Amino acid sequence: PLPAEVPLKNAPLERVIAQLRFPEILSVEQRDFVAP
């Protein structure tokens, strides 16, 4: 059965039904690329 709902103050999402996955971007692994 569905769990009881717990209202969150300023919740970022109301409901999530899927997650999208993308191919790896190897440059994202480099800290110098991500830092800015």
Full PDB file with SEQRES, HELIX, SHEET, SSBOND, CRYST1, ORIGX, SCALE, CONECT and MASTER records, all heavy atoms in Angstrom:
SEQRES   1 A   36  PRO LEU PRO ALA GLU VAL PRO LEU LYS ASN ALA PRO LEU          
SEQRES   2 A   36  GLU ARG VAL ILE ALA GLN LEU ARG PHE PRO GLU ILE LEU          
SEQRES   3 A   36  SER VAL GLU GLN ARG ASP PHE VAL ALA PRO                      
HELIX    1 AA1 LEU A   26  GLU A   29  5                                   4    
HELIX    2 AA2 ARG A   31  VAL A   34  1                                   4    
CRYST1    1.000    1.000    1.000  90.00  90.00  90.00 P 1           1          
ORIGX1      1.000000  0.000000  0.000000        0.00000                         
ORIGX2      0.000000  1.000000  0.000000        0.00000                         
ORIGX3      0.000000  0.000000  1.000000        0.00000                         
SCALE1      1.000000  0.000000  0.000000        0.00000                         
SCALE2      0.000000  1.000000  0.000000        0.00000                         
SCALE3      0.000000  0.000000  1.000000        0.00000                         
ATOM      1  N   PRO A   1       0.838  -1.201   0.000  1.00  0.00           N  
ATOM      2  CA  PRO A   1       0.000   0.000   0.000  1.00  0.00           C  
ATOM      3  C   PRO A   1       0.874   1.252   0.000  1.00  0.00           C  
ATOM      4  O   PRO A   1       2.030   1.224   0.432  1.00  0.00           O  
ATOM      5  CB  PRO A   1      -0.801  -0.103   1.301  1.00  0.00           C  
ATOM      6  CG  PRO A   1      -0.191  -1.194   2.089  1.00  0.00           C  
ATOM      7  CD  PRO A   1       0.700  -1.999   1.199  1.00  0.00           C  
ATOM      8  N   LEU A   2       0.325   2.346  -0.505  1.00  0.00           N  
ATOM      9  CA  LEU A   2       1.058   3.610  -0.548  1.00  0.00           C  
ATOM     10  C   LEU A   2       1.389   4.074   0.862  1.00  0.00           C  
ATOM     11  O   LEU A   2       0.556   3.968   1.765  1.00  0.00           O  
ATOM     12  CB  LEU A   2       0.232   4.679  -1.251  1.00  0.00           C  
ATOM     13  CG  LEU A   2      -0.001   4.489  -2.745  1.00  0.00           C  
ATOM     14  CD1 LEU A   2      -0.956   5.552  -3.280  1.00  0.00           C  
ATOM     15  CD2 LEU A   2       1.314   4.552  -3.494  1.00  0.00           C  
ATOM     16  N   PRO A   3       2.595   4.598   1.076  1.00  0.00           N  
ATOM     17  CA  PRO A   3       2.927   5.125   2.397  1.00  0.00           C  
ATOM     18  C   PRO A   3       2.202   6.443   2.634  1.00  0.00           C  
ATOM     19  O   PRO A   3       1.747   7.089   1.700  1.00  0.00           O  
ATOM     20  CB  PRO A   3       4.437   5.346   2.316  1.00  0.00           C  
ATOM     21  CG  PRO A   3       4.712   5.525   0.868  1.00  0.00           C  
ATOM     22  CD  PRO A   3       3.694   4.699   0.136  1.00  0.00           C  
ATOM     23  N   ALA A   4       2.124   6.822   3.887  1.00  0.00           N  
ATOM     24  CA  ALA A   4       1.503   8.107   4.218  1.00  0.00           C  
ATOM     25  C   ALA A   4       2.333   9.237   3.626  1.00  0.00           C  
ATOM     26  O   ALA A   4       3.565   9.176   3.613  1.00  0.00           O  
ATOM     27  CB  ALA A   4       1.405   8.261   5.732  1.00  0.00           C  
ATOM     28  N   GLU A   5       1.673  10.261   3.111  1.00  0.00           N  
ATOM     29  CA  GLU A   5       2.388  11.402   2.550  1.00  0.00           C  
ATOM     30  C   GLU A   5       2.933  12.276   3.667  1.00  0.00           C  
ATOM     31  O   GLU A   5       2.277  12.465   4.687  1.00  0.00           O  
ATOM     32  CB  GLU A   5       1.470  12.218   1.648  1.00  0.00           C  
ATOM     33  CG  GLU A   5       1.157  11.510   0.351  1.00  0.00           C  
ATOM     34  CD  GLU A   5       0.548  12.430  -0.697  1.00  0.00           C  
ATOM     35  OE1 GLU A   5       0.850  13.642  -0.685  1.00  0.00           O  
ATOM     36  OE2 GLU A   5      -0.235  11.921  -1.499  1.00  0.00           O  
ATOM     37  N   VAL A   6       4.131  12.777   3.460  1.00  0.00           N  
ATOM     38  CA  VAL A   6       4.769  13.676   4.411  1.00  0.00           C  
ATOM     39  C   VAL A   6       5.040  14.979   3.673  1.00  0.00           C  
ATOM     40  O   VAL A   6       5.946  15.056   2.859  1.00  0.00           O  
ATOM     41  CB  VAL A   6       6.089  13.083   4.948  1.00  0.00           C  
ATOM     42  CG1 VAL A   6       6.759  14.052   5.907  1.00  0.00           C  
ATOM     43  CG2 VAL A   6       5.843  11.738   5.589  1.00  0.00           C  
ATOM     44  N   PRO A   7       4.233  16.007   3.906  1.00  0.00           N  
ATOM     45  CA  PRO A   7       4.455  17.280   3.211  1.00  0.00           C  
ATOM     46  C   PRO A   7       5.808  17.875   3.599  1.00  0.00           C  
ATOM     47  O   PRO A   7       6.172  17.909   4.764  1.00  0.00           O  
ATOM     48  CB  PRO A   7       3.323  18.180   3.702  1.00  0.00           C  
ATOM     49  CG  PRO A   7       2.338  17.274   4.359  1.00  0.00           C  
ATOM     50  CD  PRO A   7       3.092  16.059   4.791  1.00  0.00           C  
ATOM     51  N   LEU A   8       6.557  18.300   2.604  1.00  0.00           N  
ATOM     52  CA  LEU A   8       7.852  18.931   2.838  1.00  0.00           C  
ATOM     53  C   LEU A   8       7.746  20.414   2.516  1.00  0.00           C  
ATOM     54  O   LEU A   8       7.224  20.792   1.478  1.00  0.00           O  
ATOM     55  CB  LEU A   8       8.921  18.297   1.947  1.00  0.00           C  
ATOM     56  CG  LEU A   8       9.167  16.805   2.133  1.00  0.00           C  
ATOM     57  CD1 LEU A   8      10.144  16.299   1.084  1.00  0.00           C  
ATOM     58  CD2 LEU A   8       9.680  16.517   3.517  1.00  0.00           C  
ATOM     59  N   LYS A   9       8.259  21.234   3.410  1.00  0.00           N  
ATOM     60  CA  LYS A   9       8.278  22.658   3.164  1.00  0.00           C  
ATOM     61  C   LYS A   9       9.277  22.931   2.045  1.00  0.00           C  
ATOM     62  O   LYS A   9      10.405  22.453   2.096  1.00  0.00           O  
ATOM     63  CB  LYS A   9       8.692  23.389   4.441  1.00  0.00           C  
ATOM     64  CG  LYS A   9       8.658  24.882   4.311  1.00  0.00           C  
ATOM     65  CD  LYS A   9       9.022  25.536   5.624  1.00  0.00           C  
ATOM     66  CE  LYS A   9       8.990  27.032   5.471  1.00  0.00           C  
ATOM     67  NZ  LYS A   9       9.324  27.716   6.711  1.00  0.00           N  
ATOM     68  N   ASN A  10       8.858  23.631   1.015  1.00  0.00           N  
ATOM     69  CA  ASN A  10       9.708  23.962  -0.133  1.00  0.00           C  
ATOM     70  C   ASN A  10      10.251  22.718  -0.842  1.00  0.00           C  
ATOM     71  O   ASN A  10      11.427  22.656  -1.201  1.00  0.00           O  
ATOM     72  CB  ASN A  10      10.875  24.861   0.287  1.00  0.00           C  
ATOM     73  CG  ASN A  10      10.402  26.161   0.880  1.00  0.00           C  
ATOM     74  OD1 ASN A  10       9.429  26.743   0.422  1.00  0.00           O  
ATOM     75  ND2 ASN A  10      11.061  26.604   1.928  1.00  0.00           N  
ATOM     76  N   ALA A  11       9.412  21.710  -1.007  1.00  0.00           N  
ATOM     77  CA  ALA A  11       9.842  20.490  -1.690  1.00  0.00           C  
ATOM     78  C   ALA A  11      10.245  20.808  -3.131  1.00  0.00           C  
ATOM     79  O   ALA A  11       9.520  21.510  -3.840  1.00  0.00           O  
ATOM     80  CB  ALA A  11       8.715  19.466  -1.682  1.00  0.00           C  
ATOM     81  N   PRO A  12      11.406  20.313  -3.596  1.00  0.00           N  
ATOM     82  CA  PRO A  12      11.854  20.637  -4.942  1.00  0.00           C  
ATOM     83  C   PRO A  12      11.053  19.927  -6.030  1.00  0.00           C  
ATOM     84  O   PRO A  12      10.909  20.448  -7.125  1.00  0.00           O  
ATOM     85  CB  PRO A  12      13.303  20.179  -4.953  1.00  0.00           C  
ATOM     86  CG  PRO A  12      13.367  19.124  -3.907  1.00  0.00           C  
ATOM     87  CD  PRO A  12      12.364  19.511  -2.870  1.00  0.00           C  
ATOM     88  N   LEU A  13      10.531  18.756  -5.730  1.00  0.00           N  
ATOM     89  CA  LEU A  13       9.753  17.997  -6.700  1.00  0.00           C  
ATOM     90  C   LEU A  13       8.465  17.522  -6.048  1.00  0.00           C  
ATOM     91  O   LEU A  13       8.440  17.169  -4.885  1.00  0.00           O  
ATOM     92  CB  LEU A  13      10.534  16.771  -7.182  1.00  0.00           C  
ATOM     93  CG  LEU A  13      11.871  17.034  -7.853  1.00  0.00           C  
ATOM     94  CD1 LEU A  13      12.588  15.715  -8.090  1.00  0.00           C  
ATOM     95  CD2 LEU A  13      11.685  17.771  -9.156  1.00  0.00           C  
ATOM     96  N   GLU A  14       7.420  17.491  -6.835  1.00  0.00           N  
ATOM     97  CA  GLU A  14       6.168  16.971  -6.299  1.00  0.00           C  
ATOM     98  C   GLU A  14       6.084  15.469  -6.509  1.00  0.00           C  
ATOM     99  O   GLU A  14       5.668  14.719  -5.642  1.00  0.00           O  
ATOM    100  CB  GLU A  14       4.976  17.645  -6.985  1.00  0.00           C  
ATOM    101  CG  GLU A  14       3.652  17.205  -6.407  1.00  0.00           C  
ATOM    102  CD  GLU A  14       2.504  17.982  -6.983  1.00  0.00           C  
ATOM    103  OE1 GLU A  14       2.620  19.192  -7.185  1.00  0.00           O  
ATOM    104  OE2 GLU A  14       1.473  17.342  -7.234  1.00  0.00           O  
ATOM    105  N   ARG A  15       6.493  15.017  -7.687  1.00  0.00           N  
ATOM    106  CA  ARG A  15       6.429  13.595  -7.999  1.00  0.00           C  
ATOM    107  C   ARG A  15       7.444  13.276  -9.090  1.00  0.00           C  
ATOM    108  O   ARG A  15       7.613  14.037 -10.017  1.00  0.00           O  
ATOM    109  CB  ARG A  15       5.022  13.257  -8.500  1.00  0.00           C  
ATOM    110  CG  ARG A  15       4.783  11.792  -8.681  1.00  0.00           C  
ATOM    111  CD  ARG A  15       3.318  11.519  -8.742  1.00  0.00           C  
ATOM    112  NE  ARG A  15       2.774  11.953  -7.449  1.00  0.00           N  
ATOM    113  CZ  ARG A  15       1.499  12.029  -7.151  1.00  0.00           C  
ATOM    114  NH1 ARG A  15       0.605  11.712  -8.040  1.00  0.00           N  
ATOM    115  NH2 ARG A  15       1.090  12.428  -5.977  1.00  0.00           N  
ATOM    116  N   VAL A  16       8.114  12.157  -8.960  1.00  0.00           N  
ATOM    117  CA  VAL A  16       9.070  11.712  -9.970  1.00  0.00           C  
ATOM    118  C   VAL A  16       8.612  10.350 -10.458  1.00  0.00           C  
ATOM    119  O   VAL A  16       8.379   9.447  -9.668  1.00  0.00           O  
ATOM    120  CB  VAL A  16      10.496  11.606  -9.385  1.00  0.00           C  
ATOM    121  CG1 VAL A  16      11.456  11.048 -10.408  1.00  0.00           C  
ATOM    122  CG2 VAL A  16      10.951  12.961  -8.893  1.00  0.00           C  
ATOM    123  N   ILE A  17       8.472  10.219 -11.779  1.00  0.00           N  
ATOM    124  CA  ILE A  17       8.011   8.939 -12.316  1.00  0.00           C  
ATOM    125  C   ILE A  17       9.043   8.286 -13.230  1.00  0.00           C  
ATOM    126  O   ILE A  17       8.857   7.164 -13.663  1.00  0.00           O  
ATOM    127  CB  ILE A  17       6.675   9.085 -13.069  1.00  0.00           C  
ATOM    128  CG1 ILE A  17       6.801  10.106 -14.192  1.00  0.00           C  
ATOM    129  CG2 ILE A  17       5.566   9.457 -12.117  1.00  0.00           C  
ATOM    130  CD1 ILE A  17       5.594  10.182 -15.093  1.00  0.00           C  
ATOM    131  N   ALA A  18      10.124   8.961 -13.527  1.00  0.00           N  
ATOM    132  CA  ALA A  18      11.141   8.390 -14.403  1.00  0.00           C  
ATOM    133  C   ALA A  18      12.470   9.090 -14.186  1.00  0.00           C  
ATOM    134  O   ALA A  18      12.532  10.193 -13.664  1.00  0.00           O  
ATOM    135  CB  ALA A  18      10.723   8.534 -15.863  1.00  0.00           C  
ATOM    136  N   GLN A  19      13.525   8.427 -14.603  1.00  0.00           N  
ATOM    137  CA  GLN A  19      14.850   9.017 -14.583  1.00  0.00           C  
ATOM    138  C   GLN A  19      15.443   8.834 -15.965  1.00  0.00           C  
ATOM    139  O   GLN A  19      15.434   7.731 -16.502  1.00  0.00           O  
ATOM    140  CB  GLN A  19      15.738   8.325 -13.547  1.00  0.00           C  
ATOM    141  CG  GLN A  19      17.134   8.885 -13.509  1.00  0.00           C  
ATOM    142  CD  GLN A  19      18.029   8.142 -12.535  1.00  0.00           C  
ATOM    143  OE1 GLN A  19      17.848   6.972 -12.281  1.00  0.00           O  
ATOM    144  NE2 GLN A  19      19.010   8.845 -11.996  1.00  0.00           N  
ATOM    145  N   LEU A  20      15.917   9.915 -16.546  1.00  0.00           N  
ATOM    146  CA  LEU A  20      16.543   9.849 -17.857  1.00  0.00           C  
ATOM    147  C   LEU A  20      18.028   9.615 -17.694  1.00  0.00           C  
ATOM    148  O   LEU A  20      18.662  10.213 -16.835  1.00  0.00           O  
ATOM    149  CB  LEU A  20      16.321  11.145 -18.633  1.00  0.00           C  
ATOM    150  CG  LEU A  20      14.880  11.508 -18.920  1.00  0.00           C  
ATOM    151  CD1 LEU A  20      14.815  12.830 -19.657  1.00  0.00           C  
ATOM    152  CD2 LEU A  20      14.204  10.425 -19.733  1.00  0.00           C  
ATOM    153  N   ARG A  21      18.569   8.764 -18.518  1.00  0.00           N  
ATOM    154  CA  ARG A  21      20.005   8.486 -18.493  1.00  0.00           C  
ATOM    155  C   ARG A  21      20.604   8.883 -19.823  1.00  0.00           C  
ATOM    156  O   ARG A  21      20.018   8.648 -20.868  1.00  0.00           O  
ATOM    157  CB  ARG A  21      20.245   6.994 -18.241  1.00  0.00           C  
ATOM    158  CG  ARG A  21      19.595   6.451 -16.973  1.00  0.00           C  
ATOM    159  CD  ARG A  21      20.188   7.051 -15.738  1.00  0.00           C  
ATOM    160  NE  ARG A  21      21.533   6.601 -15.573  1.00  0.00           N  
ATOM    161  CZ  ARG A  21      22.050   6.134 -14.469  1.00  0.00           C  
ATOM    162  NH1 ARG A  21      21.321   6.064 -13.398  1.00  0.00           N  
ATOM    163  NH2 ARG A  21      23.290   5.743 -14.421  1.00  0.00           N  
ATOM    164  N   PHE A  22      21.768   9.476 -19.786  1.00  0.00           N  
ATOM    165  CA  PHE A  22      22.454   9.929 -20.978  1.00  0.00           C  
ATOM    166  C   PHE A  22      23.796   9.228 -21.079  1.00  0.00           C  
ATOM    167  O   PHE A  22      24.354   8.800 -20.070  1.00  0.00           O  
ATOM    168  CB  PHE A  22      22.647  11.448 -20.934  1.00  0.00           C  
ATOM    169  CG  PHE A  22      21.361  12.201 -20.916  1.00  0.00           C  
ATOM    170  CD1 PHE A  22      20.782  12.593 -19.726  1.00  0.00           C  
ATOM    171  CD2 PHE A  22      20.711  12.504 -22.103  1.00  0.00           C  
ATOM    172  CE1 PHE A  22      19.586  13.290 -19.710  1.00  0.00           C  
ATOM    173  CE2 PHE A  22      19.512  13.195 -22.095  1.00  0.00           C  
ATOM    174  CZ  PHE A  22      18.950  13.584 -20.903  1.00  0.00           C  
ATOM    175  N   PRO A  23      24.367   9.152 -22.288  1.00  0.00           N  
ATOM    176  CA  PRO A  23      25.698   8.555 -22.420  1.00  0.00           C  
ATOM    177  C   PRO A  23      26.716   9.335 -21.584  1.00  0.00           C  
ATOM    178  O   PRO A  23      26.539  10.525 -21.331  1.00  0.00           O  
ATOM    179  CB  PRO A  23      26.019   8.701 -23.908  1.00  0.00           C  
ATOM    180  CG  PRO A  23      24.722   8.971 -24.580  1.00  0.00           C  
ATOM    181  CD  PRO A  23      23.821   9.603 -23.555  1.00  0.00           C  
ATOM    182  N   GLU A  24      27.765   8.641 -21.178  1.00  0.00           N  
ATOM    183  CA  GLU A  24      28.808   9.289 -20.380  1.00  0.00           C  
ATOM    184  C   GLU A  24      29.502  10.387 -21.180  1.00  0.00           C  
ATOM    185  O   GLU A  24      29.722  10.249 -22.373  1.00  0.00           O  
ATOM    186  CB  GLU A  24      29.863   8.274 -19.956  1.00  0.00           C  
ATOM    187  CG  GLU A  24      29.424   7.396 -18.830  1.00  0.00           C  
ATOM    188  CD  GLU A  24      30.570   6.557 -18.306  1.00  0.00           C  
ATOM    189  OE1 GLU A  24      31.705   7.070 -18.167  1.00  0.00           O  
ATOM    190  OE2 GLU A  24      30.328   5.380 -18.039  1.00  0.00           O  
ATOM    191  N   ILE A  25      29.806  11.468 -20.492  1.00  0.00           N  
ATOM    192  CA  ILE A  25      30.623  12.541 -21.056  1.00  0.00           C  
ATOM    193  C   ILE A  25      31.885  12.556 -20.206  1.00  0.00           C  
ATOM    194  O   ILE A  25      31.868  13.010 -19.062  1.00  0.00           O  
ATOM    195  CB  ILE A  25      29.894  13.896 -21.009  1.00  0.00           C  
ATOM    196  CG1 ILE A  25      28.583  13.805 -21.773  1.00  0.00           C  
ATOM    197  CG2 ILE A  25      30.789  15.005 -21.545  1.00  0.00           C  
ATOM    198  CD1 ILE A  25      27.700  15.019 -21.614  1.00  0.00           C  
ATOM    199  N   LEU A  26      32.941  12.013 -20.735  1.00  0.00           N  
ATOM    200  CA  LEU A  26      34.145  11.809 -19.937  1.00  0.00           C  
ATOM    201  C   LEU A  26      34.743  13.104 -19.416  1.00  0.00           C  
ATOM    202  O   LEU A  26      35.364  13.113 -18.358  1.00  0.00           O  
ATOM    203  CB  LEU A  26      35.176  11.013 -20.738  1.00  0.00           C  
ATOM    204  CG  LEU A  26      34.712   9.595 -21.107  1.00  0.00           C  
ATOM    205  CD1 LEU A  26      35.782   8.894 -21.929  1.00  0.00           C  
ATOM    206  CD2 LEU A  26      34.376   8.790 -19.872  1.00  0.00           C  
ATOM    207  N   SER A  27      34.550  14.215 -20.121  1.00  0.00           N  
ATOM    208  CA  SER A  27      35.116  15.472 -19.632  1.00  0.00           C  
ATOM    209  C   SER A  27      34.483  15.907 -18.312  1.00  0.00           C  
ATOM    210  O   SER A  27      35.085  16.656 -17.552  1.00  0.00           O  
ATOM    211  CB  SER A  27      34.971  16.577 -20.682  1.00  0.00           C  
ATOM    212  OG  SER A  27      33.613  16.796 -20.982  1.00  0.00           O  
ATOM    213  N   VAL A  28      33.284  15.417 -18.019  1.00  0.00           N  
ATOM    214  CA  VAL A  28      32.628  15.757 -16.754  1.00  0.00           C  
ATOM    215  C   VAL A  28      33.382  15.133 -15.582  1.00  0.00           C  
ATOM    216  O   VAL A  28      33.317  15.618 -14.462  1.00  0.00           O  
ATOM    217  CB  VAL A  28      31.143  15.315 -16.778  1.00  0.00           C  
ATOM    218  CG1 VAL A  28      30.490  15.477 -15.434  1.00  0.00           C  
ATOM    219  CG2 VAL A  28      30.383  16.094 -17.833  1.00  0.00           C  
ATOM    220  N   GLU A  29      34.134  14.074 -15.838  1.00  0.00           N  
ATOM    221  CA  GLU A  29      34.926  13.434 -14.789  1.00  0.00           C  
ATOM    222  C   GLU A  29      36.103  14.314 -14.353  1.00  0.00           C  
ATOM    223  O   GLU A  29      36.675  14.105 -13.302  1.00  0.00           O  
ATOM    224  CB  GLU A  29      35.462  12.084 -15.273  1.00  0.00           C  
ATOM    225  CG  GLU A  29      34.391  11.057 -15.560  1.00  0.00           C  
ATOM    226  CD  GLU A  29      33.801  10.446 -14.308  1.00  0.00           C  
ATOM    227  OE1 GLU A  29      34.523  10.347 -13.300  1.00  0.00           O  
ATOM    228  OE2 GLU A  29      32.618  10.085 -14.348  1.00  0.00           O  
ATOM    229  N   GLN A  30      36.474  15.291 -15.172  1.00  0.00           N  
ATOM    230  CA  GLN A  30      37.630  16.132 -14.864  1.00  0.00           C  
ATOM    231  C   GLN A  30      37.192  17.309 -13.990  1.00  0.00           C  
ATOM    232  O   GLN A  30      36.325  18.088 -14.357  1.00  0.00           O  
ATOM    233  CB  GLN A  30      38.250  16.647 -16.165  1.00  0.00           C  
ATOM    234  CG  GLN A  30      38.729  15.532 -17.071  1.00  0.00           C  
ATOM    235  CD  GLN A  30      39.139  16.046 -18.439  1.00  0.00           C  
ATOM    236  OE1 GLN A  30      39.236  17.247 -18.657  1.00  0.00           O  
ATOM    237  NE2 GLN A  30      39.374  15.129 -19.351  1.00  0.00           N  
ATOM    238  N   ARG A  31      37.817  17.439 -12.832  1.00  0.00           N  
ATOM    239  CA  ARG A  31      37.444  18.496 -11.884  1.00  0.00           C  
ATOM    240  C   ARG A  31      37.580  19.890 -12.489  1.00  0.00           C  
ATOM    241  O   ARG A  31      36.795  20.773 -12.207  1.00  0.00           O  
ATOM    242  CB  ARG A  31      38.266  18.375 -10.615  1.00  0.00           C  
ATOM    243  CG  ARG A  31      37.914  17.143  -9.807  1.00  0.00           C  
ATOM    244  CD  ARG A  31      38.739  17.083  -8.528  1.00  0.00           C  
ATOM    245  NE  ARG A  31      38.420  15.895  -7.787  1.00  0.00           N  
ATOM    246  CZ  ARG A  31      37.528  15.862  -6.792  1.00  0.00           C  
ATOM    247  NH1 ARG A  31      36.885  16.941  -6.455  1.00  0.00           N  
ATOM    248  NH2 ARG A  31      37.288  14.735  -6.157  1.00  0.00           N  
ATOM    249  N   ASP A  32      38.595  20.103 -13.327  1.00  0.00           N  
ATOM    250  CA  ASP A  32      38.776  21.416 -13.946  1.00  0.00           C  
ATOM    251  C   ASP A  32      37.611  21.784 -14.853  1.00  0.00           C  
ATOM    252  O   ASP A  32      37.303  22.957 -15.045  1.00  0.00           O  
ATOM    253  CB  ASP A  32      40.075  21.459 -14.756  1.00  0.00           C  
ATOM    254  CG  ASP A  32      41.309  21.386 -13.869  1.00  0.00           C  
ATOM    255  OD1 ASP A  32      41.173  21.617 -12.650  1.00  0.00           O  
ATOM    256  OD2 ASP A  32      42.399  21.107 -14.399  1.00  0.00           O  
ATOM    257  N   PHE A  33      36.975  20.796 -15.419  1.00  0.00           N  
ATOM    258  CA  PHE A  33      35.831  21.029 -16.300  1.00  0.00           C  
ATOM    259  C   PHE A  33      34.580  21.381 -15.489  1.00  0.00           C  
ATOM    260  O   PHE A  33      33.800  22.242 -15.861  1.00  0.00           O  
ATOM    261  CB  PHE A  33      35.575  19.774 -17.149  1.00  0.00           C  
ATOM    262  CG  PHE A  33      34.393  19.892 -18.076  1.00  0.00           C  
ATOM    263  CD1 PHE A  33      34.515  20.534 -19.301  1.00  0.00           C  
ATOM    264  CD2 PHE A  33      33.164  19.353 -17.733  1.00  0.00           C  
ATOM    265  CE1 PHE A  33      33.437  20.635 -20.155  1.00  0.00           C  
ATOM    266  CE2 PHE A  33      32.081  19.457 -18.578  1.00  0.00           C  
ATOM    267  CZ  PHE A  33      32.219  20.096 -19.804  1.00  0.00           C  
ATOM    268  N   VAL A  34      34.412  20.708 -14.358  1.00  0.00           N  
ATOM    269  CA  VAL A  34      33.204  20.858 -13.545  1.00  0.00           C  
ATOM    270  C   VAL A  34      33.269  22.076 -12.618  1.00  0.00           C  
ATOM    271  O   VAL A  34      32.249  22.676 -12.303  1.00  0.00           O  
ATOM    272  CB  VAL A  34      32.954  19.573 -12.718  1.00  0.00           C  
ATOM    273  CG1 VAL A  34      31.759  19.714 -11.809  1.00  0.00           C  
ATOM    274  CG2 VAL A  34      32.788  18.376 -13.629  1.00  0.00           C  
ATOM    275  N   ALA A  35      34.453  22.459 -12.181  1.00  0.00           N  
ATOM    276  CA  ALA A  35      34.614  23.505 -11.166  1.00  0.00           C  
ATOM    277  C   ALA A  35      33.907  24.822 -11.491  1.00  0.00           C  
ATOM    278  O   ALA A  35      33.207  25.367 -10.622  1.00  0.00           O  
ATOM    279  CB  ALA A  35      36.094  23.747 -10.889  1.00  0.00           C  
ATOM    280  N   PRO A  36      34.017  25.396 -12.694  1.00  0.00           N  
ATOM    281  CA  PRO A  36      33.319  26.661 -12.959  1.00  0.00           C  
ATOM    282  C   PRO A  36      31.801  26.534 -12.848  1.00  0.00           C  
ATOM    283  O   PRO A  36      31.134  27.429 -12.321  1.00  0.00           O  
ATOM    284  CB  PRO A  36      33.727  27.013 -14.395  1.00  0.00           C  
ATOM    285  CG  PRO A  36      34.991  26.273 -14.640  1.00  0.00           C  
ATOM    286  CD  PRO A  36      34.890  25.020 -13.825  1.00  0.00           C  
TER     287      PRO A  36                                                      
MASTER        0    0    0    2    0    0    0    6  286    1    0    3          
END                                                                             
